[in-house]
Amino acid sequence: MPRSTLLTLEWAVIAVASTLLLHTLSEPVTVKDCSGRGETPVVDISPCPSEPCVFPRGITANVSVVFTAPADSSTLTSHIYGYVAGIKVPWSMPNPDGCKDSGLTCPIKGGFKYTYLSTLSAPRDAPQVAIVVEWDLIGSNGEKFFCFDFPLEIVGN
Protein backbone atom coordinates (compact mmCIF):
# COMPACT_ATOMS: atom_id res chain seq x y z
CA MET A 1 0.00 0.00 0.00
CA PRO A 2 1.43 3.44 -0.88
CA ARG A 3 2.63 5.57 2.05
CA SER A 4 0.14 8.37 1.22
CA THR A 5 -2.75 5.90 1.50
CA LEU A 6 -1.48 4.69 4.90
CA LEU A 7 -1.23 8.28 6.16
CA THR A 8 -4.77 8.98 4.95
CA LEU A 9 -6.02 5.87 6.76
CA GLU A 10 -4.17 6.89 9.94
CA TRP A 11 -5.79 10.34 9.87
CA ALA A 12 -9.21 8.79 9.23
CA VAL A 13 -8.78 6.51 12.27
CA ILE A 14 -7.66 9.50 14.40
CA ALA A 15 -10.66 11.55 13.23
CA VAL A 16 -13.14 8.75 14.04
CA ALA A 17 -11.55 8.12 17.46
CA SER A 18 -11.60 11.85 18.29
CA THR A 19 -15.26 12.10 17.30
CA LEU A 20 -16.17 9.12 19.49
CA LEU A 21 -14.20 10.55 22.43
CA LEU A 22 -15.88 13.96 22.13
CA HIS A 23 -19.29 12.29 21.89
CA THR A 24 -18.67 10.39 25.12
CA LEU A 25 -17.58 13.61 26.89
CA SER A 26 -20.61 15.59 25.76
CA GLU A 27 -24.11 14.63 26.71
CA PRO A 28 -27.20 16.79 26.86
CA VAL A 29 -27.22 18.37 30.30
CA THR A 30 -30.44 18.34 32.28
CA VAL A 31 -31.32 21.99 32.75
CA LYS A 32 -34.19 23.84 34.35
CA ASP A 33 -35.98 26.46 32.24
CA CYS A 34 -36.05 29.95 33.77
CA SER A 35 -37.31 31.86 30.72
CA GLY A 36 -40.94 31.81 31.79
CA ARG A 37 -41.85 30.55 28.31
CA GLY A 38 -42.02 26.90 29.30
CA GLU A 39 -39.59 25.84 26.58
CA THR A 40 -36.40 24.21 27.83
CA PRO A 41 -33.46 24.50 25.41
CA VAL A 42 -31.25 21.52 24.57
CA VAL A 43 -27.88 22.18 26.18
CA ASP A 44 -24.62 20.29 25.54
CA ILE A 45 -21.53 21.04 27.60
CA SER A 46 -18.21 19.41 26.75
CA PRO A 47 -16.60 18.11 28.83
CA CYS A 48 -19.46 17.27 31.14
CA PRO A 49 -19.87 13.49 31.06
CA SER A 50 -22.09 13.41 34.17
CA GLU A 51 -24.11 15.71 36.37
CA PRO A 52 -23.44 17.89 38.14
CA CYS A 53 -20.86 19.21 35.69
CA VAL A 54 -17.51 19.09 37.46
CA PHE A 55 -15.12 21.78 36.23
CA PRO A 56 -11.49 21.82 37.29
CA ARG A 57 -10.29 25.39 37.74
CA GLY A 58 -8.67 26.76 34.59
CA ILE A 59 -10.42 24.52 32.04
CA THR A 60 -12.64 25.84 29.27
CA ALA A 61 -15.77 23.95 28.27
CA ASN A 62 -17.63 24.25 24.98
CA VAL A 63 -21.34 25.00 25.24
CA SER A 64 -24.04 24.45 22.62
CA VAL A 65 -27.64 25.60 23.17
CA VAL A 66 -30.44 24.74 20.73
CA PHE A 67 -33.47 27.01 21.16
CA THR A 68 -36.45 28.40 19.28
CA ALA A 69 -36.46 32.20 19.02
CA PRO A 70 -39.57 33.66 20.69
CA ALA A 71 -39.43 36.88 18.63
CA ASP A 72 -37.46 38.82 16.03
CA SER A 73 -34.37 40.55 17.40
CA SER A 74 -31.59 42.67 15.96
CA THR A 75 -29.29 42.13 18.99
CA LEU A 76 -28.67 39.40 21.56
CA THR A 77 -26.82 39.70 24.86
CA SER A 78 -25.71 36.75 26.96
CA HIS A 79 -25.33 36.70 30.75
CA ILE A 80 -24.05 34.05 33.15
CA TYR A 81 -24.65 34.08 36.90
CA GLY A 82 -23.65 31.77 39.70
CA TYR A 83 -25.87 31.35 42.75
CA VAL A 84 -23.54 31.28 45.75
CA ALA A 85 -25.28 30.84 49.11
CA GLY A 86 -28.51 32.01 47.44
CA ILE A 87 -26.93 35.20 46.07
CA LYS A 88 -26.93 35.79 42.29
CA VAL A 89 -23.34 36.71 41.29
CA PRO A 90 -22.39 37.75 37.72
CA TRP A 91 -19.91 35.41 35.99
CA SER A 92 -17.43 36.89 33.54
CA MET A 93 -18.36 36.13 29.93
CA PRO A 94 -15.68 35.84 27.25
CA ASN A 95 -18.16 37.23 24.70
CA PRO A 96 -21.52 38.64 25.84
CA ASP A 97 -22.50 39.64 22.27
CA GLY A 98 -24.83 36.83 21.19
CA CYS A 99 -24.57 37.93 17.54
CA LYS A 100 -20.77 37.69 17.36
CA ASP A 101 -18.67 34.52 17.30
CA SER A 102 -21.61 32.51 18.65
CA GLY A 103 -22.81 30.62 15.60
CA LEU A 104 -25.66 33.14 15.29
CA THR A 105 -26.10 35.93 12.78
CA CYS A 106 -28.42 38.77 13.69
CA PRO A 107 -31.13 39.70 13.01
CA ILE A 108 -32.87 36.63 14.43
CA LYS A 109 -36.34 35.62 13.25
CA GLY A 110 -38.99 34.52 15.74
CA GLY A 111 -40.26 30.94 15.47
CA PHE A 112 -37.04 29.56 13.98
CA LYS A 113 -34.66 27.12 15.69
CA TYR A 114 -31.07 28.28 16.30
CA THR A 115 -27.87 26.92 17.84
CA TYR A 116 -25.90 29.23 20.10
CA LEU A 117 -22.22 28.36 20.74
CA SER A 118 -20.01 29.67 23.52
CA THR A 119 -17.47 28.68 26.14
CA LEU A 120 -17.49 28.58 29.91
CA SER A 121 -14.45 28.49 32.15
CA ALA A 122 -13.73 28.42 35.86
CA PRO A 123 -10.93 30.89 36.66
CA ARG A 124 -7.80 29.41 38.21
CA ASP A 125 -8.44 31.43 41.37
CA ALA A 126 -12.11 30.40 41.69
CA PRO A 127 -13.03 28.82 45.01
CA GLN A 128 -13.89 25.14 45.13
CA VAL A 129 -17.66 25.29 45.40
CA ALA A 130 -20.89 23.68 44.23
CA ILE A 131 -23.17 26.27 42.63
CA VAL A 132 -26.17 26.63 40.35
CA VAL A 133 -25.36 28.45 37.11
CA GLU A 134 -27.95 30.55 35.28
CA TRP A 135 -27.32 31.35 31.61
CA ASP A 136 -29.56 33.61 29.58
CA LEU A 137 -29.73 35.19 26.14
CA ILE A 138 -31.68 38.44 25.98
CA GLY A 139 -33.15 40.01 22.82
CA SER A 140 -33.27 43.67 21.80
CA ASN A 141 -36.69 44.19 23.46
CA GLY A 142 -35.67 42.51 26.74
CA GLU A 143 -37.25 39.13 25.99
CA LYS A 144 -35.49 35.97 27.13
CA PHE A 145 -34.54 33.89 24.10
CA PHE A 146 -33.39 31.23 26.51
CA CYS A 147 -32.71 30.99 30.21
CA PHE A 148 -31.60 27.83 31.97
CA ASP A 149 -30.09 26.71 35.27
CA PHE A 150 -27.75 23.78 35.83
CA PRO A 151 -25.63 22.49 38.73
CA LEU A 152 -21.88 22.97 38.53
CA GLU A 153 -19.07 22.00 40.86
CA ILE A 154 -15.74 23.81 40.65
CA VAL A 155 -12.82 21.69 41.86
CA GLY A 156 -9.05 22.14 42.21
CA ASN A 157 -6.80 20.95 39.40
C-alpha atoms as a PDB file:
ATOM      1  CA  MET A   1       0.000   0.000   0.000  1.00  0.00           C
ATOM      2  CA  PRO A   2       1.434   3.435  -0.877  1.00  0.00           C
ATOM      3  CA  ARG A   3       2.632   5.572   2.047  1.00  0.00           C
ATOM      4  CA  SER A   4       0.137   8.372   1.221  1.00  0.00           C
ATOM      5  CA  THR A   5      -2.750   5.901   1.502  1.00  0.00           C
ATOM      6  CA  LEU A   6      -1.480   4.693   4.901  1.00  0.00           C
ATOM      7  CA  LEU A   7      -1.228   8.283   6.161  1.00  0.00           C
ATOM      8  CA  THR A   8      -4.765   8.982   4.946  1.00  0.00           C
ATOM      9  CA  LEU A   9      -6.018   5.865   6.762  1.00  0.00           C
ATOM     10  CA  GLU A  10      -4.172   6.885   9.941  1.00  0.00           C
ATOM     11  CA  TRP A  11      -5.793  10.343   9.871  1.00  0.00           C
ATOM     12  CA  ALA A  12      -9.205   8.791   9.230  1.00  0.00           C
ATOM     13  CA  VAL A  13      -8.775   6.514  12.268  1.00  0.00           C
ATOM     14  CA  ILE A  14      -7.662   9.499  14.400  1.00  0.00           C
ATOM     15  CA  ALA A  15     -10.658  11.549  13.231  1.00  0.00           C
ATOM     16  CA  VAL A  16     -13.136   8.748  14.044  1.00  0.00           C
ATOM     17  CA  ALA A  17     -11.546   8.120  17.465  1.00  0.00           C
ATOM     18  CA  SER A  18     -11.602  11.850  18.291  1.00  0.00           C
ATOM     19  CA  THR A  19     -15.259  12.102  17.298  1.00  0.00           C
ATOM     20  CA  LEU A  20     -16.170   9.124  19.491  1.00  0.00           C
ATOM     21  CA  LEU A  21     -14.204  10.551  22.428  1.00  0.00           C
ATOM     22  CA  LEU A  22     -15.878  13.961  22.129  1.00  0.00           C
ATOM     23  CA  HIS A  23     -19.289  12.290  21.891  1.00  0.00           C
ATOM     24  CA  THR A  24     -18.672  10.394  25.120  1.00  0.00           C
ATOM     25  CA  LEU A  25     -17.581  13.605  26.886  1.00  0.00           C
ATOM     26  CA  SER A  26     -20.609  15.593  25.756  1.00  0.00           C
ATOM     27  CA  GLU A  27     -24.114  14.634  26.712  1.00  0.00           C
ATOM     28  CA  PRO A  28     -27.200  16.793  26.855  1.00  0.00           C
ATOM     29  CA  VAL A  29     -27.221  18.373  30.299  1.00  0.00           C
ATOM     30  CA  THR A  30     -30.440  18.336  32.285  1.00  0.00           C
ATOM     31  CA  VAL A  31     -31.319  21.990  32.753  1.00  0.00           C
ATOM     32  CA  LYS A  32     -34.194  23.841  34.348  1.00  0.00           C
ATOM     33  CA  ASP A  33     -35.982  26.462  32.236  1.00  0.00           C
ATOM     34  CA  CYS A  34     -36.051  29.947  33.775  1.00  0.00           C
ATOM     35  CA  SER A  35     -37.308  31.865  30.724  1.00  0.00           C
ATOM     36  CA  GLY A  36     -40.941  31.809  31.790  1.00  0.00           C
ATOM     37  CA  ARG A  37     -41.848  30.551  28.308  1.00  0.00           C
ATOM     38  CA  GLY A  38     -42.019  26.896  29.305  1.00  0.00           C
ATOM     39  CA  GLU A  39     -39.586  25.835  26.582  1.00  0.00           C
ATOM     40  CA  THR A  40     -36.399  24.210  27.832  1.00  0.00           C
ATOM     41  CA  PRO A  41     -33.464  24.496  25.406  1.00  0.00           C
ATOM     42  CA  VAL A  42     -31.246  21.517  24.566  1.00  0.00           C
ATOM     43  CA  VAL A  43     -27.876  22.176  26.184  1.00  0.00           C
ATOM     44  CA  ASP A  44     -24.620  20.295  25.544  1.00  0.00           C
ATOM     45  CA  ILE A  45     -21.528  21.038  27.600  1.00  0.00           C
ATOM     46  CA  SER A  46     -18.210  19.408  26.750  1.00  0.00           C
ATOM     47  CA  PRO A  47     -16.595  18.112  28.829  1.00  0.00           C
ATOM     48  CA  CYS A  48     -19.457  17.272  31.140  1.00  0.00           C
ATOM     49  CA  PRO A  49     -19.874  13.490  31.064  1.00  0.00           C
ATOM     50  CA  SER A  50     -22.086  13.410  34.173  1.00  0.00           C
ATOM     51  CA  GLU A  51     -24.110  15.706  36.371  1.00  0.00           C
ATOM     52  CA  PRO A  52     -23.443  17.891  38.135  1.00  0.00           C
ATOM     53  CA  CYS A  53     -20.859  19.212  35.689  1.00  0.00           C
ATOM     54  CA  VAL A  54     -17.513  19.091  37.462  1.00  0.00           C
ATOM     55  CA  PHE A  55     -15.116  21.783  36.228  1.00  0.00           C
ATOM     56  CA  PRO A  56     -11.485  21.818  37.290  1.00  0.00           C
ATOM     57  CA  ARG A  57     -10.295  25.385  37.742  1.00  0.00           C
ATOM     58  CA  GLY A  58      -8.674  26.761  34.588  1.00  0.00           C
ATOM     59  CA  ILE A  59     -10.422  24.523  32.043  1.00  0.00           C
ATOM     60  CA  THR A  60     -12.641  25.843  29.274  1.00  0.00           C
ATOM     61  CA  ALA A  61     -15.766  23.953  28.270  1.00  0.00           C
ATOM     62  CA  ASN A  62     -17.630  24.248  24.977  1.00  0.00           C
ATOM     63  CA  VAL A  63     -21.341  24.995  25.243  1.00  0.00           C
ATOM     64  CA  SER A  64     -24.037  24.449  22.621  1.00  0.00           C
ATOM     65  CA  VAL A  65     -27.640  25.596  23.166  1.00  0.00           C
ATOM     66  CA  VAL A  66     -30.441  24.745  20.728  1.00  0.00           C
ATOM     67  CA  PHE A  67     -33.466  27.014  21.158  1.00  0.00           C
ATOM     68  CA  THR A  68     -36.455  28.404  19.281  1.00  0.00           C
ATOM     69  CA  ALA A  69     -36.458  32.198  19.024  1.00  0.00           C
ATOM     70  CA  PRO A  70     -39.573  33.664  20.685  1.00  0.00           C
ATOM     71  CA  ALA A  71     -39.429  36.882  18.629  1.00  0.00           C
ATOM     72  CA  ASP A  72     -37.463  38.817  16.026  1.00  0.00           C
ATOM     73  CA  SER A  73     -34.372  40.551  17.396  1.00  0.00           C
ATOM     74  CA  SER A  74     -31.589  42.669  15.963  1.00  0.00           C
ATOM     75  CA  THR A  75     -29.293  42.129  18.986  1.00  0.00           C
ATOM     76  CA  LEU A  76     -28.673  39.396  21.560  1.00  0.00           C
ATOM     77  CA  THR A  77     -26.825  39.702  24.858  1.00  0.00           C
ATOM     78  CA  SER A  78     -25.714  36.749  26.961  1.00  0.00           C
ATOM     79  CA  HIS A  79     -25.326  36.698  30.747  1.00  0.00           C
ATOM     80  CA  ILE A  80     -24.055  34.050  33.146  1.00  0.00           C
ATOM     81  CA  TYR A  81     -24.653  34.081  36.898  1.00  0.00           C
ATOM     82  CA  GLY A  82     -23.654  31.772  39.700  1.00  0.00           C
ATOM     83  CA  TYR A  83     -25.868  31.347  42.751  1.00  0.00           C
ATOM     84  CA  VAL A  84     -23.545  31.285  45.751  1.00  0.00           C
ATOM     85  CA  ALA A  85     -25.284  30.836  49.109  1.00  0.00           C
ATOM     86  CA  GLY A  86     -28.507  32.012  47.441  1.00  0.00           C
ATOM     87  CA  ILE A  87     -26.926  35.202  46.075  1.00  0.00           C
ATOM     88  CA  LYS A  88     -26.927  35.793  42.292  1.00  0.00           C
ATOM     89  CA  VAL A  89     -23.341  36.706  41.290  1.00  0.00           C
ATOM     90  CA  PRO A  90     -22.393  37.746  37.717  1.00  0.00           C
ATOM     91  CA  TRP A  91     -19.913  35.409  35.990  1.00  0.00           C
ATOM     92  CA  SER A  92     -17.426  36.888  33.543  1.00  0.00           C
ATOM     93  CA  MET A  93     -18.357  36.128  29.925  1.00  0.00           C
ATOM     94  CA  PRO A  94     -15.678  35.842  27.248  1.00  0.00           C
ATOM     95  CA  ASN A  95     -18.158  37.234  24.699  1.00  0.00           C
ATOM     96  CA  PRO A  96     -21.517  38.638  25.842  1.00  0.00           C
ATOM     97  CA  ASP A  97     -22.498  39.643  22.274  1.00  0.00           C
ATOM     98  CA  GLY A  98     -24.826  36.831  21.192  1.00  0.00           C
ATOM     99  CA  CYS A  99     -24.568  37.934  17.543  1.00  0.00           C
ATOM    100  CA  LYS A 100     -20.773  37.690  17.357  1.00  0.00           C
ATOM    101  CA  ASP A 101     -18.666  34.516  17.297  1.00  0.00           C
ATOM    102  CA  SER A 102     -21.605  32.508  18.654  1.00  0.00           C
ATOM    103  CA  GLY A 103     -22.810  30.615  15.600  1.00  0.00           C
ATOM    104  CA  LEU A 104     -25.662  33.142  15.295  1.00  0.00           C
ATOM    105  CA  THR A 105     -26.104  35.934  12.777  1.00  0.00           C
ATOM    106  CA  CYS A 106     -28.416  38.773  13.695  1.00  0.00           C
ATOM    107  CA  PRO A 107     -31.126  39.704  13.006  1.00  0.00           C
ATOM    108  CA  ILE A 108     -32.866  36.633  14.434  1.00  0.00           C
ATOM    109  CA  LYS A 109     -36.343  35.624  13.255  1.00  0.00           C
ATOM    110  CA  GLY A 110     -38.988  34.521  15.741  1.00  0.00           C
ATOM    111  CA  GLY A 111     -40.262  30.944  15.466  1.00  0.00           C
ATOM    112  CA  PHE A 112     -37.035  29.563  13.983  1.00  0.00           C
ATOM    113  CA  LYS A 113     -34.656  27.121  15.686  1.00  0.00           C
ATOM    114  CA  TYR A 114     -31.073  28.279  16.298  1.00  0.00           C
ATOM    115  CA  THR A 115     -27.875  26.920  17.839  1.00  0.00           C
ATOM    116  CA  TYR A 116     -25.897  29.233  20.103  1.00  0.00           C
ATOM    117  CA  LEU A 117     -22.224  28.359  20.738  1.00  0.00           C
ATOM    118  CA  SER A 118     -20.010  29.673  23.523  1.00  0.00           C
ATOM    119  CA  THR A 119     -17.468  28.682  26.144  1.00  0.00           C
ATOM    120  CA  LEU A 120     -17.490  28.576  29.915  1.00  0.00           C
ATOM    121  CA  SER A 121     -14.449  28.490  32.155  1.00  0.00           C
ATOM    122  CA  ALA A 122     -13.730  28.416  35.856  1.00  0.00           C
ATOM    123  CA  PRO A 123     -10.932  30.889  36.658  1.00  0.00           C
ATOM    124  CA  ARG A 124      -7.796  29.410  38.214  1.00  0.00           C
ATOM    125  CA  ASP A 125      -8.442  31.431  41.370  1.00  0.00           C
ATOM    126  CA  ALA A 126     -12.113  30.402  41.692  1.00  0.00           C
ATOM    127  CA  PRO A 127     -13.029  28.818  45.015  1.00  0.00           C
ATOM    128  CA  GLN A 128     -13.890  25.140  45.133  1.00  0.00           C
ATOM    129  CA  VAL A 129     -17.659  25.294  45.404  1.00  0.00           C
ATOM    130  CA  ALA A 130     -20.893  23.679  44.228  1.00  0.00           C
ATOM    131  CA  ILE A 131     -23.172  26.271  42.627  1.00  0.00           C
ATOM    132  CA  VAL A 132     -26.165  26.627  40.352  1.00  0.00           C
ATOM    133  CA  VAL A 133     -25.358  28.446  37.108  1.00  0.00           C
ATOM    134  CA  GLU A 134     -27.952  30.549  35.278  1.00  0.00           C
ATOM    135  CA  TRP A 135     -27.315  31.348  31.606  1.00  0.00           C
ATOM    136  CA  ASP A 136     -29.556  33.605  29.575  1.00  0.00           C
ATOM    137  CA  LEU A 137     -29.725  35.191  26.140  1.00  0.00           C
ATOM    138  CA  ILE A 138     -31.682  38.445  25.977  1.00  0.00           C
ATOM    139  CA  GLY A 139     -33.151  40.014  22.818  1.00  0.00           C
ATOM    140  CA  SER A 140     -33.275  43.672  21.798  1.00  0.00           C
ATOM    141  CA  ASN A 141     -36.687  44.188  23.461  1.00  0.00           C
ATOM    142  CA  GLY A 142     -35.669  42.515  26.743  1.00  0.00           C
ATOM    143  CA  GLU A 143     -37.249  39.129  25.993  1.00  0.00           C
ATOM    144  CA  LYS A 144     -35.488  35.966  27.126  1.00  0.00           C
ATOM    145  CA  PHE A 145     -34.535  33.888  24.102  1.00  0.00           C
ATOM    146  CA  PHE A 146     -33.392  31.229  26.512  1.00  0.00           C
ATOM    147  CA  CYS A 147     -32.708  30.991  30.212  1.00  0.00           C
ATOM    148  CA  PHE A 148     -31.602  27.827  31.968  1.00  0.00           C
ATOM    149  CA  ASP A 149     -30.088  26.714  35.275  1.00  0.00           C
ATOM    150  CA  PHE A 150     -27.753  23.776  35.832  1.00  0.00           C
ATOM    151  CA  PRO A 151     -25.632  22.487  38.728  1.00  0.00           C
ATOM    152  CA  LEU A 152     -21.879  22.974  38.531  1.00  0.00           C
ATOM    153  CA  GLU A 153     -19.067  22.000  40.860  1.00  0.00           C
ATOM    154  CA  ILE A 154     -15.740  23.806  40.651  1.00  0.00           C
ATOM    155  CA  VAL A 155     -12.822  21.687  41.856  1.00  0.00           C
ATOM    156  CA  GLY A 156      -9.055  22.137  42.209  1.00  0.00           C
ATOM    157  CA  ASN A 157      -6.799  20.953  39.402  1.00  0.00           C
END
